[in-house]
Amino acid sequence: MTVQAKLTDTQTAVLKAAASRPDRNIEPLPSTLRGGARTKVIEGLLVRGLITESEGGHRLTDTGYAAVGKLRPVPKGVQQMDSPDALTKREATAPTIRSGTKLAAIIDAMRHPGGATIAQLMARTGWQTHTVRGAISGMVRKRLGYEVVTKKDTNGQRTYRIA
């Protein structure tokens, strides 16, 4: 288990403010934070993985939410497939997946912004429906620790996406 250095009061304030915003953006930063201090705070949060660069700004990550004792809210109409079992509470590590495998094809498809449907994943892998769902639940979510979000569109088609 790795021990993270304690956050400064300013870093904690920035994270708490971002956690309360629906877009997870760290902007606006406190008005007293200017110049080099602003840069140092942002760099410190980026290095720890508490924020990420996104669309020209910086957004709070799941690790950032955890650092201030909060969970990222799930948008309305989206069902989160994460259960509080022991496998999902383990320390996050960088998962290694061999390229060219069917599991890698599933993960690549689910990383697209729109996600992927079961039919699309079946076409990519040649697997049956129950095998694809089992891979998402067992390997992608539990063993590899990815956060899987599912959403049903207006046609009743369910898409799976890695958040």
C-alpha atoms as a PDB file:
ATOM      1  CA  MET A   1       0.000   0.000   0.000  1.00  0.00           C
ATOM      2  CA  THR A   2       1.380   3.398  -0.910  1.00  0.00           C
ATOM      3  CA  VAL A   3       1.126   6.320   1.481  1.00  0.00           C
ATOM      4  CA  GLN A   4       0.347   9.677  -0.086  1.00  0.00           C
ATOM      5  CA  ALA A   5       1.784  12.869   1.318  1.00  0.00           C
ATOM      6  CA  LYS A   6      -0.713  15.016   3.166  1.00  0.00           C
ATOM      7  CA  LEU A   7      -2.562  17.598   1.089  1.00  0.00           C
ATOM      8  CA  THR A   8      -2.137  21.281   1.843  1.00  0.00           C
ATOM      9  CA  ASP A   9      -5.123  23.299   3.029  1.00  0.00           C
ATOM     10  CA  THR A  10      -5.274  25.004  -0.380  1.00  0.00           C
ATOM     11  CA  GLN A  11      -5.229  21.694  -2.272  1.00  0.00           C
ATOM     12  CA  THR A  12      -7.961  20.328  -0.021  1.00  0.00           C
ATOM     13  CA  ALA A  13     -10.088  23.456  -0.563  1.00  0.00           C
ATOM     14  CA  VAL A  14      -9.671  23.187  -4.355  1.00  0.00           C
ATOM     15  CA  LEU A  15     -10.664  19.493  -4.331  1.00  0.00           C
ATOM     16  CA  LYS A  16     -13.688  20.062  -2.087  1.00  0.00           C
ATOM     17  CA  ALA A  17     -14.904  22.912  -4.297  1.00  0.00           C
ATOM     18  CA  ALA A  18     -14.511  20.768  -7.441  1.00  0.00           C
ATOM     19  CA  ALA A  19     -16.318  17.848  -5.767  1.00  0.00           C
ATOM     20  CA  SER A  20     -19.336  20.067  -5.198  1.00  0.00           C
ATOM     21  CA  ARG A  21     -19.525  21.131  -8.873  1.00  0.00           C
ATOM     22  CA  PRO A  22     -21.495  18.996 -11.350  1.00  0.00           C
ATOM     23  CA  ASP A  23     -18.812  19.371 -14.063  1.00  0.00           C
ATOM     24  CA  ARG A  24     -15.973  18.370 -11.630  1.00  0.00           C
ATOM     25  CA  ASN A  25     -13.946  21.409 -12.828  1.00  0.00           C
ATOM     26  CA  ILE A  26     -11.408  22.884 -10.381  1.00  0.00           C
ATOM     27  CA  GLU A  27     -11.984  26.362 -11.812  1.00  0.00           C
ATOM     28  CA  PRO A  28     -12.542  28.948 -10.462  1.00  0.00           C
ATOM     29  CA  LEU A  29      -9.641  28.618  -8.077  1.00  0.00           C
ATOM     30  CA  PRO A  30      -9.503  30.781  -4.941  1.00  0.00           C
ATOM     31  CA  SER A  31      -8.808  34.433  -5.831  1.00  0.00           C
ATOM     32  CA  THR A  32      -5.789  34.452  -3.513  1.00  0.00           C
ATOM     33  CA  LEU A  33      -4.110  31.756  -5.610  1.00  0.00           C
ATOM     34  CA  ARG A  34      -2.103  33.440  -8.370  1.00  0.00           C
ATOM     35  CA  GLY A  35       1.041  32.956 -10.457  1.00  0.00           C
ATOM     36  CA  GLY A  36       3.533  30.365  -9.272  1.00  0.00           C
ATOM     37  CA  ALA A  37       1.402  29.241  -6.338  1.00  0.00           C
ATOM     38  CA  ARG A  38      -1.464  28.450  -8.713  1.00  0.00           C
ATOM     39  CA  THR A  39       0.872  26.425 -10.937  1.00  0.00           C
ATOM     40  CA  LYS A  40       2.328  24.530  -7.957  1.00  0.00           C
ATOM     41  CA  VAL A  41      -1.120  23.582  -6.626  1.00  0.00           C
ATOM     42  CA  ILE A  42      -2.271  22.320 -10.042  1.00  0.00           C
ATOM     43  CA  GLU A  43       0.991  20.410 -10.657  1.00  0.00           C
ATOM     44  CA  GLY A  44       0.799  18.817  -7.205  1.00  0.00           C
ATOM     45  CA  LEU A  45      -2.746  17.612  -7.820  1.00  0.00           C
ATOM     46  CA  LEU A  46      -1.868  16.326 -11.323  1.00  0.00           C
ATOM     47  CA  VAL A  47       1.167  14.381 -10.076  1.00  0.00           C
ATOM     48  CA  ARG A  48      -0.924  12.636  -7.419  1.00  0.00           C
ATOM     49  CA  GLY A  49      -3.621  11.774  -9.962  1.00  0.00           C
ATOM     50  CA  LEU A  50      -6.255  13.771  -8.085  1.00  0.00           C
ATOM     51  CA  ILE A  51      -7.118  15.838 -11.166  1.00  0.00           C
ATOM     52  CA  THR A  52      -6.745  15.289 -14.887  1.00  0.00           C
ATOM     53  CA  GLU A  53      -6.461  17.612 -17.858  1.00  0.00           C
ATOM     54  CA  SER A  54      -9.714  17.658 -19.801  1.00  0.00           C
ATOM     55  CA  GLU A  55     -11.123  19.963 -22.475  1.00  0.00           C
ATOM     56  CA  GLY A  56      -8.681  22.788 -21.763  1.00  0.00           C
ATOM     57  CA  GLY A  57      -9.256  22.637 -18.013  1.00  0.00           C
ATOM     58  CA  HIS A  58      -8.710  20.349 -15.056  1.00  0.00           C
ATOM     59  CA  ARG A  59     -11.306  17.924 -13.712  1.00  0.00           C
ATOM     60  CA  LEU A  60     -11.474  15.949 -10.502  1.00  0.00           C
ATOM     61  CA  THR A  61     -10.748  12.191 -10.750  1.00  0.00           C
ATOM     62  CA  ASP A  62     -12.223   9.390  -8.645  1.00  0.00           C
ATOM     63  CA  THR A  63      -9.013   9.480  -6.600  1.00  0.00           C
ATOM     64  CA  GLY A  64      -9.595  13.190  -6.029  1.00  0.00           C
ATOM     65  CA  TYR A  65     -13.094  12.508  -4.741  1.00  0.00           C
ATOM     66  CA  ALA A  66     -11.705   9.836  -2.406  1.00  0.00           C
ATOM     67  CA  ALA A  67      -9.037  12.242  -1.094  1.00  0.00           C
ATOM     68  CA  VAL A  68     -11.776  14.516   0.267  1.00  0.00           C
ATOM     69  CA  GLY A  69     -13.967  11.623   1.427  1.00  0.00           C
ATOM     70  CA  LYS A  70     -16.604  11.796  -1.313  1.00  0.00           C
ATOM     71  CA  LEU A  71     -17.839   9.589  -4.134  1.00  0.00           C
ATOM     72  CA  ARG A  72     -18.318  10.865  -7.664  1.00  0.00           C
ATOM     73  CA  PRO A  73     -22.048  11.317  -8.281  1.00  0.00           C
ATOM     74  CA  VAL A  74     -23.525   9.117 -11.006  1.00  0.00           C
ATOM     75  CA  PRO A  75     -25.424  11.157 -13.638  1.00  0.00           C
ATOM     76  CA  LYS A  76     -29.191  10.695 -13.809  1.00  0.00           C
ATOM     77  CA  GLY A  77     -30.200   7.846 -16.102  1.00  0.00           C
ATOM     78  CA  VAL A  78     -26.864   6.070 -15.680  1.00  0.00           C
ATOM     79  CA  GLN A  79     -26.565   2.894 -13.656  1.00  0.00           C
ATOM     80  CA  GLN A  80     -23.194   2.249 -12.051  1.00  0.00           C
ATOM     81  CA  MET A  81     -22.150  -1.416 -12.094  1.00  0.00           C
ATOM     82  CA  ASP A  82     -19.862  -1.068  -9.095  1.00  0.00           C
ATOM     83  CA  SER A  83     -20.708  -2.962  -5.937  1.00  0.00           C
ATOM     84  CA  PRO A  84     -18.971  -2.483  -2.608  1.00  0.00           C
ATOM     85  CA  ASP A  85     -17.271  -5.877  -2.538  1.00  0.00           C
ATOM     86  CA  ALA A  86     -13.726  -6.644  -1.462  1.00  0.00           C
ATOM     87  CA  LEU A  87     -12.408  -6.938  -5.002  1.00  0.00           C
ATOM     88  CA  THR A  88     -13.305  -3.363  -5.932  1.00  0.00           C
ATOM     89  CA  LYS A  89     -11.856  -1.903  -2.721  1.00  0.00           C
ATOM     90  CA  ARG A  90      -8.310  -3.047  -3.421  1.00  0.00           C
ATOM     91  CA  GLU A  91      -5.575  -0.547  -4.151  1.00  0.00           C
ATOM     92  CA  ALA A  92      -5.670   0.737  -7.717  1.00  0.00           C
ATOM     93  CA  THR A  93      -2.779  -0.479  -9.841  1.00  0.00           C
ATOM     94  CA  ALA A  94      -2.059  -0.061 -13.499  1.00  0.00           C
ATOM     95  CA  PRO A  95      -3.683  -3.110 -15.121  1.00  0.00           C
ATOM     96  CA  THR A  96      -1.713  -4.877 -17.817  1.00  0.00           C
ATOM     97  CA  ILE A  97      -3.600  -6.415 -20.703  1.00  0.00           C
ATOM     98  CA  ARG A  98      -1.947  -8.140 -23.610  1.00  0.00           C
ATOM     99  CA  SER A  99      -2.667  -6.317 -26.837  1.00  0.00           C
ATOM    100  CA  GLY A 100      -4.480  -8.245 -29.540  1.00  0.00           C
ATOM    101  CA  THR A 101      -6.560 -10.277 -27.087  1.00  0.00           C
ATOM    102  CA  LYS A 102     -10.336 -10.360 -27.013  1.00  0.00           C
ATOM    103  CA  LEU A 103     -10.318  -8.729 -23.591  1.00  0.00           C
ATOM    104  CA  ALA A 104      -8.195  -5.883 -25.005  1.00  0.00           C
ATOM    105  CA  ALA A 105     -10.752  -5.503 -27.826  1.00  0.00           C
ATOM    106  CA  ILE A 106     -13.569  -5.210 -25.266  1.00  0.00           C
ATOM    107  CA  ILE A 107     -11.696  -2.602 -23.231  1.00  0.00           C
ATOM    108  CA  ASP A 108     -10.780  -0.583 -26.343  1.00  0.00           C
ATOM    109  CA  ALA A 109     -14.413  -0.556 -27.481  1.00  0.00           C
ATOM    110  CA  MET A 110     -15.644   0.483 -24.024  1.00  0.00           C
ATOM    111  CA  ARG A 111     -13.126   3.356 -23.872  1.00  0.00           C
ATOM    112  CA  HIS A 112     -14.830   5.190 -26.751  1.00  0.00           C
ATOM    113  CA  PRO A 113     -16.850   8.175 -25.487  1.00  0.00           C
ATOM    114  CA  GLY A 114     -20.141   6.591 -26.584  1.00  0.00           C
ATOM    115  CA  GLY A 115     -19.239   3.183 -25.168  1.00  0.00           C
ATOM    116  CA  ALA A 116     -20.190  -0.072 -26.867  1.00  0.00           C
ATOM    117  CA  THR A 117     -23.270  -2.275 -26.995  1.00  0.00           C
ATOM    118  CA  ILE A 118     -23.293  -6.006 -26.277  1.00  0.00           C
ATOM    119  CA  ALA A 119     -23.876  -6.635 -30.001  1.00  0.00           C
ATOM    120  CA  GLN A 120     -20.796  -4.592 -30.920  1.00  0.00           C
ATOM    121  CA  LEU A 121     -18.692  -6.418 -28.341  1.00  0.00           C
ATOM    122  CA  MET A 122     -19.985  -9.778 -29.586  1.00  0.00           C
ATOM    123  CA  ALA A 123     -19.015  -8.843 -33.150  1.00  0.00           C
ATOM    124  CA  ARG A 124     -15.490  -7.852 -32.057  1.00  0.00           C
ATOM    125  CA  THR A 125     -14.840 -10.997 -30.009  1.00  0.00           C
ATOM    126  CA  GLY A 126     -17.036 -13.720 -31.502  1.00  0.00           C
ATOM    127  CA  TRP A 127     -18.309 -14.449 -27.990  1.00  0.00           C
ATOM    128  CA  GLN A 128     -21.901 -15.041 -26.929  1.00  0.00           C
ATOM    129  CA  THR A 129     -23.894 -12.521 -24.898  1.00  0.00           C
ATOM    130  CA  HIS A 130     -23.364 -14.199 -21.520  1.00  0.00           C
ATOM    131  CA  THR A 131     -19.616 -14.446 -22.110  1.00  0.00           C
ATOM    132  CA  VAL A 132     -19.323 -10.738 -22.919  1.00  0.00           C
ATOM    133  CA  ARG A 133     -21.319  -9.779 -19.810  1.00  0.00           C
ATOM    134  CA  GLY A 134     -19.215 -12.127 -17.686  1.00  0.00           C
ATOM    135  CA  ALA A 135     -16.003 -10.583 -19.044  1.00  0.00           C
ATOM    136  CA  ILE A 136     -17.273  -7.075 -18.260  1.00  0.00           C
ATOM    137  CA  SER A 137     -18.307  -8.014 -14.732  1.00  0.00           C
ATOM    138  CA  GLY A 138     -15.532 -10.408 -13.790  1.00  0.00           C
ATOM    139  CA  MET A 139     -12.447  -9.220 -15.634  1.00  0.00           C
ATOM    140  CA  VAL A 140     -12.977  -5.584 -16.571  1.00  0.00           C
ATOM    141  CA  ARG A 141     -14.716  -4.431 -13.404  1.00  0.00           C
ATOM    142  CA  LYS A 142     -13.636  -6.786 -10.626  1.00  0.00           C
ATOM    143  CA  ARG A 143     -10.212  -8.090 -11.561  1.00  0.00           C
ATOM    144  CA  LEU A 144      -8.844  -5.076 -13.476  1.00  0.00           C
ATOM    145  CA  GLY A 145     -10.667  -2.490 -11.331  1.00  0.00           C
ATOM    146  CA  TYR A 146     -12.105  -0.334 -14.113  1.00  0.00           C
ATOM    147  CA  GLU A 147     -15.197   1.722 -13.352  1.00  0.00           C
ATOM    148  CA  VAL A 148     -17.870   0.492 -15.782  1.00  0.00           C
ATOM    149  CA  VAL A 149     -20.876   2.707 -16.450  1.00  0.00           C
ATOM    150  CA  THR A 150     -23.921   1.475 -18.311  1.00  0.00           C
ATOM    151  CA  LYS A 151     -26.598   3.608 -19.922  1.00  0.00           C
ATOM    152  CA  LYS A 152     -29.777   2.772 -21.785  1.00  0.00           C
ATOM    153  CA  ASP A 153     -30.589   4.998 -24.786  1.00  0.00           C
ATOM    154  CA  THR A 154     -34.020   5.925 -26.156  1.00  0.00           C
ATOM    155  CA  ASN A 155     -34.109   2.771 -28.337  1.00  0.00           C
ATOM    156  CA  GLY A 156     -33.655   0.572 -25.281  1.00  0.00           C
ATOM    157  CA  GLN A 157     -30.087  -0.253 -26.350  1.00  0.00           C
ATOM    158  CA  ARG A 158     -27.725  -0.542 -23.374  1.00  0.00           C
ATOM    159  CA  THR A 159     -24.165   0.757 -23.790  1.00  0.00           C
ATOM    160  CA  TYR A 160     -21.204  -0.072 -21.591  1.00  0.00           C
ATOM    161  CA  ARG A 161     -18.431   2.458 -21.068  1.00  0.00           C
ATOM    162  CA  ILE A 162     -15.275   2.716 -19.010  1.00  0.00           C
ATOM    163  CA  ALA A 163     -15.416   5.970 -17.049  1.00  0.00           C
END
